[in-house]
Amino acid sequence: MHREEWQKKGAGHRQRLRDKFIRQGMDSFSDNEVLELLLTFGTPQKDCKEPARALLKKFTSLAEVLEKPPDELQQVKGVGPKNAFAIHFIQGVARRYLQQRLINKNYLHSSREVADYLLHAMRDLRREILTVIFLDASHAIIATEVAAEGTLTRNTVYPRELLKMALEHHAAAVIIAHNHPSGNPAPSAADRHLTRSLFLALSLVDIKLLDHFIVAGTAAPYSFADNGLMTDISEECANIWKTRR
């Protein structure tokens, strides 16, 4: 097949994929077709069927491919810097979309969406981060921000910094979340101590700490509230205040 014929055939195939999406939406696409079309954004004149198949074979799922950093994507034959950039960029867009769609929603009615956002944003991070979700008095979500990075303990997460951020947002309540790169979602003793310290600090200015999520791997985030730990911490802190009076 001459080069001109191949390019014409390839252009026709890519256009058919675009038309299919416009007519039938994402549900009509296989993961392989999604990746193929994504890869063409980086190299529009290149046949991307085989690199798409190779990515899925190596990383097993579309979600795993989207979460991989560009340097790992480029280890797959046929995936270059432009292709890897296209995939990494669309993953960043998806993360921002999930974050922004939470704003102004009531947390109690949207806790599943919050968990989905945290899972997407934090599950594959290679170092620990602490994300804070700020809520108003009716528990509508005001904003989400990263408050700390690195090994998270009472000695590295400063309550005064969290207080400052909460007051700047005029928050009445907050939810915190951090990830376990190890893949084990079980809260450690340090996680419990950190939660209690932040609960106490926030309570000084009448801001409630509603929950602490731990994200680890692809499982649903671990919730302190759902597992009764927030109740335990609230009772511990109430006893602390009593003994100090």
Protein backbone atom coordinates (compact mmCIF):
# COMPACT_ATOMS: atom_id res chain seq x y z
CA MET A 1 0.00 0.00 0.00
CA HIS A 2 1.38 3.38 -0.96
CA ARG A 3 2.02 5.92 1.81
CA GLU A 4 -0.71 8.22 0.48
CA GLU A 5 -3.23 5.36 0.48
CA TRP A 6 -2.23 4.30 4.00
CA GLN A 7 -2.60 7.87 5.32
CA LYS A 8 -6.00 8.19 3.66
CA LYS A 9 -7.16 4.89 5.16
CA GLY A 10 -5.84 5.83 8.59
CA ALA A 11 -7.50 9.25 8.46
CA GLY A 12 -10.78 7.60 7.53
CA HIS A 13 -10.53 5.19 10.46
CA ARG A 14 -9.81 8.00 12.95
CA GLN A 15 -12.74 10.01 11.60
CA ARG A 16 -15.02 6.98 11.97
CA LEU A 17 -13.99 6.72 15.63
CA ARG A 18 -14.76 10.41 16.17
CA ASP A 19 -18.12 10.08 14.44
CA LYS A 20 -18.92 7.01 16.53
CA PHE A 21 -18.28 8.97 19.73
CA ILE A 22 -20.43 11.88 18.55
CA ARG A 23 -23.33 9.59 17.59
CA GLN A 24 -23.19 6.96 20.34
CA GLY A 25 -21.06 8.35 23.16
CA MET A 26 -18.35 6.79 25.31
CA ASP A 27 -20.37 3.69 26.21
CA SER A 28 -20.05 2.46 22.62
CA PHE A 29 -16.24 2.42 22.84
CA SER A 30 -14.02 -0.40 24.02
CA ASP A 31 -11.05 0.52 26.21
CA ASN A 32 -8.82 -0.20 23.24
CA GLU A 33 -10.71 2.30 21.06
CA VAL A 34 -10.58 4.94 23.79
CA LEU A 35 -6.81 4.63 24.03
CA GLU A 36 -6.38 4.51 20.27
CA LEU A 37 -8.24 7.78 19.83
CA LEU A 38 -6.35 9.36 22.73
CA LEU A 39 -3.03 8.39 21.20
CA THR A 40 -3.97 9.99 17.88
CA PHE A 41 -4.22 13.36 19.65
CA GLY A 42 -0.46 13.14 20.13
CA THR A 43 0.38 11.65 16.73
CA PRO A 44 -2.54 12.35 14.37
CA GLN A 45 -0.79 10.85 11.31
CA LYS A 46 0.17 7.57 12.97
CA ASP A 47 -1.67 4.24 13.23
CA CYS A 48 -2.26 3.86 16.97
CA LYS A 49 -4.07 0.50 17.14
CA GLU A 50 -1.04 -1.56 18.15
CA PRO A 51 0.32 0.88 20.78
CA ALA A 52 -3.19 1.00 22.33
CA ARG A 53 -3.31 -2.80 22.54
CA ALA A 54 0.22 -2.92 23.94
CA LEU A 55 -0.65 -0.39 26.68
CA LEU A 56 -3.65 -2.42 27.80
CA LYS A 57 -1.65 -5.62 27.74
CA LYS A 58 1.11 -4.12 29.90
CA PHE A 59 -1.05 -2.16 32.38
CA THR A 60 -4.21 -4.37 32.27
CA SER A 61 -6.89 -1.62 32.26
CA LEU A 62 -7.72 1.82 30.93
CA ALA A 63 -7.67 3.26 34.46
CA GLU A 64 -4.18 1.92 35.08
CA VAL A 65 -2.92 3.38 31.79
CA LEU A 66 -4.34 6.81 32.62
CA GLU A 67 -2.67 6.81 36.02
CA LYS A 68 0.82 5.95 34.78
CA PRO A 69 3.42 8.74 34.49
CA PRO A 70 4.72 9.61 31.00
CA ASP A 71 8.07 7.90 31.51
CA GLU A 72 6.38 4.54 32.15
CA LEU A 73 4.00 4.98 29.22
CA GLN A 74 6.93 5.57 26.90
CA GLN A 75 8.37 2.16 27.78
CA VAL A 76 5.66 0.69 25.54
CA LYS A 77 6.66 0.30 21.89
CA GLY A 78 5.02 2.91 19.69
CA VAL A 79 4.28 5.36 22.53
CA GLY A 80 6.36 8.52 22.31
CA PRO A 81 6.50 11.77 24.27
CA LYS A 82 3.54 13.32 22.44
CA ASN A 83 1.32 10.27 22.95
CA ALA A 84 2.30 10.05 26.63
CA PHE A 85 1.58 13.76 27.05
CA ALA A 86 -1.90 13.36 25.55
CA ILE A 87 -2.76 10.55 27.98
CA HIS A 88 -1.30 12.33 30.99
CA PHE A 89 -3.08 15.55 30.08
CA ILE A 90 -6.50 13.95 29.74
CA GLN A 91 -6.02 12.27 33.12
CA GLY A 92 -5.31 15.70 34.63
CA VAL A 93 -8.44 17.10 33.00
CA ALA A 94 -10.52 14.26 34.46
CA ARG A 95 -9.08 14.92 37.93
CA ARG A 96 -9.90 18.63 37.75
CA TYR A 97 -13.39 17.86 36.48
CA LEU A 98 -14.10 15.55 39.42
CA GLN A 99 -12.74 18.15 41.82
CA GLN A 100 -14.70 21.09 40.45
CA ARG A 101 -17.99 19.22 40.13
CA LEU A 102 -18.00 18.84 43.94
CA ILE A 103 -18.09 22.59 44.61
CA ASN A 104 -21.38 23.76 46.17
CA LYS A 105 -22.70 20.20 46.49
CA ASN A 106 -23.88 18.98 49.87
CA TYR A 107 -21.37 16.51 51.24
CA LEU A 108 -23.94 14.31 52.98
CA HIS A 109 -25.75 13.83 49.66
CA SER A 110 -22.57 13.53 47.59
CA SER A 111 -20.24 11.44 49.74
CA ARG A 112 -19.93 8.85 46.94
CA GLU A 113 -18.73 11.55 44.53
CA VAL A 114 -16.23 12.75 47.14
CA ALA A 115 -14.91 9.22 47.52
CA ASP A 116 -14.69 8.86 43.73
CA TYR A 117 -12.70 12.09 43.47
CA LEU A 118 -10.32 11.11 46.26
CA LEU A 119 -9.79 7.67 44.77
CA HIS A 120 -9.03 9.08 41.32
CA ALA A 121 -6.81 11.87 42.61
CA MET A 122 -4.77 9.97 45.21
CA ARG A 123 -4.66 6.21 44.65
CA ASP A 124 -1.49 6.08 42.57
CA LEU A 125 0.56 8.83 44.20
CA ARG A 126 4.05 7.70 45.14
CA ARG A 127 4.29 9.89 48.23
CA GLU A 128 1.78 10.78 50.90
CA ILE A 129 -0.31 13.92 50.63
CA LEU A 130 -3.01 15.38 52.85
CA THR A 131 -6.05 16.73 51.03
CA VAL A 132 -8.59 18.90 52.85
CA ILE A 133 -12.21 19.43 51.81
CA PHE A 134 -13.75 22.59 53.26
CA LEU A 135 -17.49 22.83 53.94
CA ASP A 136 -19.86 25.60 54.99
CA ALA A 137 -22.43 25.43 57.81
CA SER A 138 -24.90 23.48 55.65
CA HIS A 139 -22.13 21.07 54.63
CA ALA A 140 -21.94 22.39 51.08
CA ILE A 141 -18.44 21.91 49.68
CA ILE A 142 -16.49 25.16 49.36
CA ALA A 143 -13.13 23.97 48.05
CA THR A 144 -10.51 21.22 48.13
CA GLU A 145 -6.80 21.82 48.68
CA VAL A 146 -3.62 19.88 49.31
CA ALA A 147 -2.44 20.86 52.79
CA ALA A 148 0.75 18.81 53.20
CA GLU A 149 3.07 16.42 51.36
CA GLY A 150 5.53 13.79 52.54
CA THR A 151 5.35 11.54 55.57
CA LEU A 152 2.23 12.66 57.42
CA THR A 153 2.43 12.69 61.22
CA ARG A 154 1.62 15.07 64.03
CA ASN A 155 5.13 16.44 63.58
CA THR A 156 4.78 17.22 59.87
CA VAL A 157 1.15 18.36 59.59
CA TYR A 158 0.81 21.58 61.53
CA PRO A 159 -2.67 22.19 62.98
CA ARG A 160 -2.18 25.96 62.78
CA GLU A 161 -1.74 25.72 58.99
CA LEU A 162 -4.95 23.76 58.64
CA LEU A 163 -6.73 26.23 60.93
CA LYS A 164 -5.48 29.12 58.82
CA MET A 165 -6.74 27.51 55.61
CA ALA A 166 -10.13 26.68 57.16
CA LEU A 167 -10.60 30.23 58.44
CA GLU A 168 -9.59 31.70 55.07
CA HIS A 169 -12.32 29.62 53.44
CA HIS A 170 -14.82 30.54 56.21
CA ALA A 171 -15.33 26.81 56.71
CA ALA A 172 -17.64 25.42 59.38
CA ALA A 173 -16.46 21.84 58.86
CA VAL A 174 -13.68 19.96 57.11
CA ILE A 175 -12.93 16.48 55.83
CA ILE A 176 -9.34 15.30 55.53
CA ALA A 177 -7.92 12.55 53.34
CA HIS A 178 -4.51 11.08 52.80
CA ASN A 179 -3.08 8.18 50.84
CA HIS A 180 -1.09 5.09 51.78
CA PRO A 181 1.35 4.35 48.93
CA SER A 182 1.90 0.94 50.54
CA GLY A 183 -1.58 -0.10 49.43
CA ASN A 184 -2.79 -0.96 52.96
CA PRO A 185 -5.83 1.18 53.87
CA ALA A 186 -5.82 0.32 57.58
CA PRO A 187 -5.24 3.41 59.76
CA SER A 188 -2.00 3.38 61.74
CA ALA A 189 -1.53 4.63 65.29
CA ALA A 190 0.06 7.76 63.79
CA ASP A 191 -3.06 8.29 61.62
CA ARG A 192 -5.25 8.14 64.72
CA HIS A 193 -3.02 10.52 66.67
CA LEU A 194 -2.97 12.98 63.77
CA THR A 195 -6.76 12.86 63.46
CA ARG A 196 -7.21 13.49 67.17
CA SER A 197 -4.75 16.41 67.12
CA LEU A 198 -6.53 18.04 64.18
CA PHE A 199 -9.93 17.38 65.74
CA LEU A 200 -8.85 19.14 68.93
CA ALA A 201 -7.28 22.08 67.10
CA LEU A 202 -10.29 22.67 64.87
CA SER A 203 -12.70 22.41 67.78
CA LEU A 204 -10.99 25.40 69.41
CA VAL A 205 -12.56 27.60 66.74
CA ASP A 206 -15.81 25.61 66.45
CA ILE A 207 -14.90 23.88 63.20
CA LYS A 208 -15.93 20.25 62.96
CA LEU A 209 -13.73 17.50 61.58
CA LEU A 210 -16.33 15.23 60.00
CA ASP A 211 -14.22 12.43 58.59
CA HIS A 212 -10.78 11.19 57.65
CA PHE A 213 -10.42 9.08 54.51
CA ILE A 214 -7.47 6.85 53.69
CA VAL A 215 -6.91 6.07 50.01
CA ALA A 216 -4.92 2.94 49.18
CA GLY A 217 -5.01 1.22 45.81
CA THR A 218 -8.26 0.83 43.91
CA ALA A 219 -10.47 -0.20 46.84
CA ALA A 220 -13.03 2.20 48.26
CA PRO A 221 -11.35 4.74 50.58
CA TYR A 222 -11.33 3.82 54.28
CA SER A 223 -13.60 6.15 56.27
CA PHE A 224 -12.93 6.90 59.94
CA ALA A 225 -16.57 7.94 60.34
CA ASP A 226 -18.04 4.82 58.75
CA ASN A 227 -15.84 2.61 60.94
CA GLY A 228 -16.71 4.37 64.19
CA LEU A 229 -13.32 5.99 64.73
CA MET A 230 -14.59 9.56 64.51
CA THR A 231 -17.05 8.80 67.31
CA ASP A 232 -14.22 7.36 69.41
CA ILE A 233 -12.03 10.41 68.75
CA SER A 234 -14.88 12.80 69.55
CA GLU A 235 -15.43 11.06 72.90
CA GLU A 236 -11.69 11.08 73.67
CA CYS A 237 -11.49 14.80 72.95
CA ALA A 238 -14.59 15.49 75.06
CA ASN A 239 -12.91 13.72 77.99
CA ILE A 240 -9.74 15.76 77.45
CA TRP A 241 -11.70 19.00 77.70
CA LYS A 242 -13.44 17.81 80.85
CA THR A 243 -10.19 17.04 82.62
CA ARG A 244 -8.80 20.45 81.75
CA ARG A 245 -11.70 22.37 83.21
